[in-house]
Amino acid sequence: MVVENPALFALPFIAAFIGWLTNYLAVKMLFHPRQPIAFLGLRIQGVFPKRQQVLAVKLGEVVATELFSANDVIEKLKQASHSAEMLDFISPRVEKLIVEELPQKIPMLAMVLNPEIIATLKDSVMELLGPLIDGLLERLEKRVEDDIDVRSIVEEKVSNFSSERLESILFSIMKKEFRFIELLGGVLGFLIGCVQVFLVI
């Protein structure tokens, strides 16, 4: 079969370019123009710059309710305070306090200290520290709940981002997805072009 117009076979490539270009422009228009522009009686602005305040509010809600809270921080601190690593850190410091620092302040204490008494004193101090740390963390938890509003902090941070900063952050997160959208436009355009050539032939 002879095709009368060989240039017809360029159609898939033209359609692929158009498909890629439209998706490329669509991705760019998520962020541009950063400032509203009047065009044919319409106000045109990038989706994210236009909706930045709404995005800030929603992100604040999601982070505060689903991802992070002051209680999470306190819970992690409680777990860390009773960990073997923390005990290994505190234990030699308690022993140094008993053996070196207390006798300097109370010289008579040095006369009665022996390894058995030192061990007893150390064990007693370590036992007292557990409830003391828990009590401090409970008070800290109340203070953190009152003073740290995660939702407001996130909302304020995102609201104050410049358009350039917001674009940079979102691109760093979704760069591959944006590139895929552009490529997908080209692939779909090429396939549509092939269908059109087939129908014409």
C-alpha atoms as a PDB file:
ATOM      1  CA  MET A   1       0.000   0.000   0.000  1.00  0.00           C
ATOM      2  CA  VAL A   2       1.407   3.407  -1.023  1.00  0.00           C
ATOM      3  CA  VAL A   3       0.769   6.379   1.192  1.00  0.00           C
ATOM      4  CA  GLU A   4       0.024   9.525  -0.819  1.00  0.00           C
ATOM      5  CA  ASN A   5       1.389  11.857   1.849  1.00  0.00           C
ATOM      6  CA  PRO A   6       4.519  10.468   3.582  1.00  0.00           C
ATOM      7  CA  ALA A   7       4.559  13.513   5.877  1.00  0.00           C
ATOM      8  CA  LEU A   8       1.586  11.924   7.557  1.00  0.00           C
ATOM      9  CA  PHE A   9       4.020   9.731   9.483  1.00  0.00           C
ATOM     10  CA  ALA A  10       5.364  12.840  11.215  1.00  0.00           C
ATOM     11  CA  LEU A  11       1.995  13.244  12.923  1.00  0.00           C
ATOM     12  CA  PRO A  12       2.791  10.946  15.905  1.00  0.00           C
ATOM     13  CA  PHE A  13       5.966  12.911  16.616  1.00  0.00           C
ATOM     14  CA  ILE A  14       4.178  16.230  16.343  1.00  0.00           C
ATOM     15  CA  ALA A  15       1.430  14.933  18.647  1.00  0.00           C
ATOM     16  CA  ALA A  16       4.093  13.636  21.078  1.00  0.00           C
ATOM     17  CA  PHE A  17       5.726  17.074  21.195  1.00  0.00           C
ATOM     18  CA  ILE A  18       2.386  18.799  21.728  1.00  0.00           C
ATOM     19  CA  GLY A  19       1.450  16.315  24.468  1.00  0.00           C
ATOM     20  CA  TRP A  20       4.783  16.831  26.230  1.00  0.00           C
ATOM     21  CA  LEU A  21       4.576  20.624  25.843  1.00  0.00           C
ATOM     22  CA  THR A  22       1.051  20.903  27.252  1.00  0.00           C
ATOM     23  CA  ASN A  23       1.953  18.796  30.305  1.00  0.00           C
ATOM     24  CA  TYR A  24       5.201  20.742  30.753  1.00  0.00           C
ATOM     25  CA  LEU A  25       3.260  24.007  30.734  1.00  0.00           C
ATOM     26  CA  ALA A  26       0.655  22.520  33.104  1.00  0.00           C
ATOM     27  CA  VAL A  27       3.387  21.642  35.614  1.00  0.00           C
ATOM     28  CA  LYS A  28       4.942  25.097  35.286  1.00  0.00           C
ATOM     29  CA  MET A  29       1.555  26.735  35.808  1.00  0.00           C
ATOM     30  CA  LEU A  30       1.328  25.058  39.195  1.00  0.00           C
ATOM     31  CA  PHE A  31       3.887  27.658  40.324  1.00  0.00           C
ATOM     32  CA  HIS A  32       3.771  30.410  37.678  1.00  0.00           C
ATOM     33  CA  PRO A  33       2.931  33.173  37.378  1.00  0.00           C
ATOM     34  CA  ARG A  34       3.811  33.826  40.987  1.00  0.00           C
ATOM     35  CA  GLN A  35       1.921  37.105  41.048  1.00  0.00           C
ATOM     36  CA  PRO A  36      -1.607  37.517  39.603  1.00  0.00           C
ATOM     37  CA  ILE A  37      -1.692  38.629  35.978  1.00  0.00           C
ATOM     38  CA  ALA A  38      -4.717  40.112  34.216  1.00  0.00           C
ATOM     39  CA  PHE A  39      -5.297  38.422  30.856  1.00  0.00           C
ATOM     40  CA  LEU A  40      -8.418  38.794  28.702  1.00  0.00           C
ATOM     41  CA  GLY A  41     -10.416  39.860  31.724  1.00  0.00           C
ATOM     42  CA  LEU A  42      -9.152  36.936  33.816  1.00  0.00           C
ATOM     43  CA  ARG A  43      -6.755  36.909  36.771  1.00  0.00           C
ATOM     44  CA  ILE A  44      -4.171  34.204  36.214  1.00  0.00           C
ATOM     45  CA  GLN A  45      -1.868  32.939  38.961  1.00  0.00           C
ATOM     46  CA  GLY A  46      -0.046  29.704  39.683  1.00  0.00           C
ATOM     47  CA  VAL A  47      -2.017  27.186  41.719  1.00  0.00           C
ATOM     48  CA  PHE A  48       0.384  26.963  44.665  1.00  0.00           C
ATOM     49  CA  PRO A  49       1.088  30.704  45.035  1.00  0.00           C
ATOM     50  CA  LYS A  50      -2.648  31.385  44.851  1.00  0.00           C
ATOM     51  CA  ARG A  51      -3.521  28.670  47.373  1.00  0.00           C
ATOM     52  CA  GLN A  52      -0.463  28.981  49.622  1.00  0.00           C
ATOM     53  CA  GLN A  53      -2.430  30.118  52.667  1.00  0.00           C
ATOM     54  CA  VAL A  54      -4.930  27.268  52.287  1.00  0.00           C
ATOM     55  CA  LEU A  55      -2.020  24.834  51.848  1.00  0.00           C
ATOM     56  CA  ALA A  56      -0.392  26.194  55.012  1.00  0.00           C
ATOM     57  CA  VAL A  57      -3.577  25.665  57.045  1.00  0.00           C
ATOM     58  CA  LYS A  58      -4.102  22.122  55.731  1.00  0.00           C
ATOM     59  CA  LEU A  59      -0.462  21.151  56.292  1.00  0.00           C
ATOM     60  CA  GLY A  60      -0.649  22.484  59.838  1.00  0.00           C
ATOM     61  CA  GLU A  61      -3.744  20.381  60.528  1.00  0.00           C
ATOM     62  CA  VAL A  62      -2.240  17.226  58.997  1.00  0.00           C
ATOM     63  CA  VAL A  63       1.102  17.554  60.788  1.00  0.00           C
ATOM     64  CA  ALA A  64      -0.502  18.317  64.157  1.00  0.00           C
ATOM     65  CA  THR A  65      -3.134  15.568  64.002  1.00  0.00           C
ATOM     66  CA  GLU A  66      -1.483  12.814  61.971  1.00  0.00           C
ATOM     67  CA  LEU A  67       2.289  13.213  61.985  1.00  0.00           C
ATOM     68  CA  PHE A  68       3.690  15.032  64.992  1.00  0.00           C
ATOM     69  CA  SER A  69       2.657  16.378  68.365  1.00  0.00           C
ATOM     70  CA  ALA A  70       4.264  17.614  71.557  1.00  0.00           C
ATOM     71  CA  ASN A  71       3.127  14.405  73.254  1.00  0.00           C
ATOM     72  CA  ASP A  72       5.191  12.394  70.766  1.00  0.00           C
ATOM     73  CA  VAL A  73       8.316  14.280  71.834  1.00  0.00           C
ATOM     74  CA  ILE A  74       7.660  13.721  75.535  1.00  0.00           C
ATOM     75  CA  GLU A  75       6.949  10.023  74.964  1.00  0.00           C
ATOM     76  CA  LYS A  76      10.279   9.618  73.161  1.00  0.00           C
ATOM     77  CA  LEU A  77      12.048  11.439  75.992  1.00  0.00           C
ATOM     78  CA  LYS A  78      10.439   9.128  78.556  1.00  0.00           C
ATOM     79  CA  GLN A  79      11.593   6.064  76.653  1.00  0.00           C
ATOM     80  CA  ALA A  80      15.110   7.479  76.292  1.00  0.00           C
ATOM     81  CA  SER A  81      15.342   8.419  79.988  1.00  0.00           C
ATOM     82  CA  HIS A  82      15.065   4.745  81.040  1.00  0.00           C
ATOM     83  CA  SER A  83      17.207   3.300  78.268  1.00  0.00           C
ATOM     84  CA  ALA A  84      20.419   1.384  78.960  1.00  0.00           C
ATOM     85  CA  GLU A  85      22.375   4.071  77.115  1.00  0.00           C
ATOM     86  CA  MET A  86      21.063   6.786  79.427  1.00  0.00           C
ATOM     87  CA  LEU A  87      21.766   4.710  82.527  1.00  0.00           C
ATOM     88  CA  ASP A  88      25.309   4.048  81.314  1.00  0.00           C
ATOM     89  CA  PHE A  89      25.717   7.798  80.886  1.00  0.00           C
ATOM     90  CA  ILE A  90      24.384   8.710  84.344  1.00  0.00           C
ATOM     91  CA  SER A  91      25.933   5.917  86.418  1.00  0.00           C
ATOM     92  CA  PRO A  92      29.619   6.964  86.282  1.00  0.00           C
ATOM     93  CA  ARG A  93      28.651  10.597  86.911  1.00  0.00           C
ATOM     94  CA  VAL A  94      26.734   9.624  90.049  1.00  0.00           C
ATOM     95  CA  GLU A  95      29.738   7.610  91.235  1.00  0.00           C
ATOM     96  CA  LYS A  96      32.045  10.563  90.561  1.00  0.00           C
ATOM     97  CA  LEU A  97      29.704  12.791  92.563  1.00  0.00           C
ATOM     98  CA  ILE A  98      29.834  10.434  95.554  1.00  0.00           C
ATOM     99  CA  VAL A  99      33.541   9.612  95.428  1.00  0.00           C
ATOM    100  CA  GLU A 100      35.061  12.968  94.432  1.00  0.00           C
ATOM    101  CA  GLU A 101      32.707  15.910  94.759  1.00  0.00           C
ATOM    102  CA  LEU A 102      30.778  15.178  97.970  1.00  0.00           C
ATOM    103  CA  PRO A 103      33.940  14.538 100.064  1.00  0.00           C
ATOM    104  CA  GLN A 104      35.270  17.925  98.948  1.00  0.00           C
ATOM    105  CA  LYS A 105      32.161  19.630 100.277  1.00  0.00           C
ATOM    106  CA  ILE A 106      31.791  17.323 103.310  1.00  0.00           C
ATOM    107  CA  PRO A 107      35.357  16.276 104.318  1.00  0.00           C
ATOM    108  CA  MET A 108      34.177  13.987 107.125  1.00  0.00           C
ATOM    109  CA  LEU A 109      32.340  11.887 104.544  1.00  0.00           C
ATOM    110  CA  ALA A 110      35.667  10.706 103.120  1.00  0.00           C
ATOM    111  CA  MET A 111      36.425   8.977 106.428  1.00  0.00           C
ATOM    112  CA  VAL A 112      33.453   6.593 106.154  1.00  0.00           C
ATOM    113  CA  LEU A 113      33.356   5.964 102.414  1.00  0.00           C
ATOM    114  CA  ASN A 114      34.304   2.494 101.334  1.00  0.00           C
ATOM    115  CA  PRO A 115      33.414   0.483  98.212  1.00  0.00           C
ATOM    116  CA  GLU A 116      30.341  -1.039  99.869  1.00  0.00           C
ATOM    117  CA  ILE A 117      28.940   2.299 101.031  1.00  0.00           C
ATOM    118  CA  ILE A 118      29.735   3.901  97.681  1.00  0.00           C
ATOM    119  CA  ALA A 119      27.830   1.126  95.888  1.00  0.00           C
ATOM    120  CA  THR A 120      24.860   1.499  98.268  1.00  0.00           C
ATOM    121  CA  LEU A 121      24.749   5.259  97.862  1.00  0.00           C
ATOM    122  CA  LYS A 122      25.049   4.939  94.090  1.00  0.00           C
ATOM    123  CA  ASP A 123      22.183   2.430  93.887  1.00  0.00           C
ATOM    124  CA  SER A 124      20.006   4.661  96.099  1.00  0.00           C
ATOM    125  CA  VAL A 125      20.660   7.744  93.975  1.00  0.00           C
ATOM    126  CA  MET A 126      19.969   5.822  90.774  1.00  0.00           C
ATOM    127  CA  GLU A 127      16.652   4.594  92.197  1.00  0.00           C
ATOM    128  CA  LEU A 128      15.656   8.139  93.160  1.00  0.00           C
ATOM    129  CA  LEU A 129      16.578   9.532  89.761  1.00  0.00           C
ATOM    130  CA  GLY A 130      13.965   7.436  87.898  1.00  0.00           C
ATOM    131  CA  PRO A 131      10.862   8.959  89.569  1.00  0.00           C
ATOM    132  CA  LEU A 132      12.551  12.373  89.612  1.00  0.00           C
ATOM    133  CA  ILE A 133      13.115  12.298  85.848  1.00  0.00           C
ATOM    134  CA  ASP A 134       9.552  11.065  85.257  1.00  0.00           C
ATOM    135  CA  GLY A 135       8.206  13.923  87.375  1.00  0.00           C
ATOM    136  CA  LEU A 136      10.290  16.468  85.469  1.00  0.00           C
ATOM    137  CA  LEU A 137       9.091  15.080  82.138  1.00  0.00           C
ATOM    138  CA  GLU A 138       5.461  15.255  83.264  1.00  0.00           C
ATOM    139  CA  ARG A 139       5.880  18.913  84.154  1.00  0.00           C
ATOM    140  CA  LEU A 140       7.704  19.477  80.886  1.00  0.00           C
ATOM    141  CA  GLU A 141       4.868  17.784  79.006  1.00  0.00           C
ATOM    142  CA  LYS A 142       2.341  20.265  80.389  1.00  0.00           C
ATOM    143  CA  ARG A 143       4.667  23.142  79.561  1.00  0.00           C
ATOM    144  CA  VAL A 144       5.239  21.884  76.017  1.00  0.00           C
ATOM    145  CA  GLU A 145       1.505  21.395  75.434  1.00  0.00           C
ATOM    146  CA  ASP A 146       0.856  24.979  76.523  1.00  0.00           C
ATOM    147  CA  ASP A 147       3.782  26.615  74.726  1.00  0.00           C
ATOM    148  CA  ILE A 148       4.184  24.602  71.496  1.00  0.00           C
ATOM    149  CA  ASP A 149       1.315  24.725  69.024  1.00  0.00           C
ATOM    150  CA  VAL A 150       2.547  22.517  66.181  1.00  0.00           C
ATOM    151  CA  ARG A 151      -0.361  23.451  63.920  1.00  0.00           C
ATOM    152  CA  SER A 152       0.289  27.193  64.261  1.00  0.00           C
ATOM    153  CA  ILE A 153       4.044  26.776  63.830  1.00  0.00           C
ATOM    154  CA  VAL A 154       3.691  24.799  60.589  1.00  0.00           C
ATOM    155  CA  GLU A 155       0.999  27.137  59.270  1.00  0.00           C
ATOM    156  CA  GLU A 156       3.120  30.208  59.963  1.00  0.00           C
ATOM    157  CA  LYS A 157       6.260  28.684  58.421  1.00  0.00           C
ATOM    158  CA  VAL A 158       4.520  27.626  55.199  1.00  0.00           C
ATOM    159  CA  SER A 159       2.631  30.932  54.929  1.00  0.00           C
ATOM    160  CA  ASN A 160       5.900  32.861  55.159  1.00  0.00           C
ATOM    161  CA  PHE A 161       7.695  30.820  52.493  1.00  0.00           C
ATOM    162  CA  SER A 162       8.535  32.816  49.399  1.00  0.00           C
ATOM    163  CA  SER A 163       7.063  31.477  46.163  1.00  0.00           C
ATOM    164  CA  GLU A 164      10.563  30.490  45.069  1.00  0.00           C
ATOM    165  CA  ARG A 165      11.171  28.579  48.296  1.00  0.00           C
ATOM    166  CA  LEU A 166       7.809  26.808  48.088  1.00  0.00           C
ATOM    167  CA  GLU A 167       8.502  25.787  44.478  1.00  0.00           C
ATOM    168  CA  SER A 168      11.973  24.554  45.413  1.00  0.00           C
ATOM    169  CA  ILE A 169      10.616  22.418  48.277  1.00  0.00           C
ATOM    170  CA  LEU A 170       7.791  20.870  46.252  1.00  0.00           C
ATOM    171  CA  PHE A 171      10.096  20.178  43.307  1.00  0.00           C
ATOM    172  CA  SER A 172      12.632  18.504  45.588  1.00  0.00           C
ATOM    173  CA  ILE A 173       9.843  16.206  46.830  1.00  0.00           C
ATOM    174  CA  MET A 174       7.975  15.569  43.577  1.00  0.00           C
ATOM    175  CA  LYS A 175      10.609  16.107  40.873  1.00  0.00           C
ATOM    176  CA  LYS A 176      10.295  12.566  39.531  1.00  0.00           C
ATOM    177  CA  GLU A 177       6.501  12.745  39.513  1.00  0.00           C
ATOM    178  CA  PHE A 178       6.506  16.041  37.599  1.00  0.00           C
ATOM    179  CA  ARG A 179       8.948  14.610  35.041  1.00  0.00           C
ATOM    180  CA  PHE A 180       6.736  11.533  34.698  1.00  0.00           C
ATOM    181  CA  ILE A 181       3.703  13.722  33.995  1.00  0.00           C
ATOM    182  CA  GLU A 182       5.605  15.546  31.254  1.00  0.00           C
ATOM    183  CA  LEU A 183       6.852  12.284  29.727  1.00  0.00           C
ATOM    184  CA  LEU A 184       3.397  10.757  29.939  1.00  0.00           C
ATOM    185  CA  GLY A 185       2.008  13.638  27.877  1.00  0.00           C
ATOM    186  CA  GLY A 186       4.544  12.900  25.163  1.00  0.00           C
ATOM    187  CA  VAL A 187       3.826   9.163  25.179  1.00  0.00           C
ATOM    188  CA  LEU A 188       0.052   9.635  25.060  1.00  0.00           C
ATOM    189  CA  GLY A 189       0.431  12.231  22.307  1.00  0.00           C
ATOM    190  CA  PHE A 190       2.544   9.816  20.266  1.00  0.00           C
ATOM    191  CA  LEU A 191       0.004   7.010  20.679  1.00  0.00           C
ATOM    192  CA  ILE A 192      -2.864   9.307  19.690  1.00  0.00           C
ATOM    193  CA  GLY A 193      -0.868  10.393  16.639  1.00  0.00           C
ATOM    194  CA  CYS A 194      -0.319   6.749  15.670  1.00  0.00           C
ATOM    195  CA  VAL A 195      -4.066   6.104  15.941  1.00  0.00           C
ATOM    196  CA  GLN A 196      -4.781   9.106  13.756  1.00  0.00           C
ATOM    197  CA  VAL A 197      -2.324   7.904  11.104  1.00  0.00           C
ATOM    198  CA  PHE A 198      -3.890   4.452  11.183  1.00  0.00           C
ATOM    199  CA  LEU A 199      -7.400   5.906  10.782  1.00  0.00           C
ATOM    200  CA  VAL A 200      -6.332   8.119   7.901  1.00  0.00           C
ATOM    201  CA  ILE A 201      -4.602   5.247   6.101  1.00  0.00           C
END
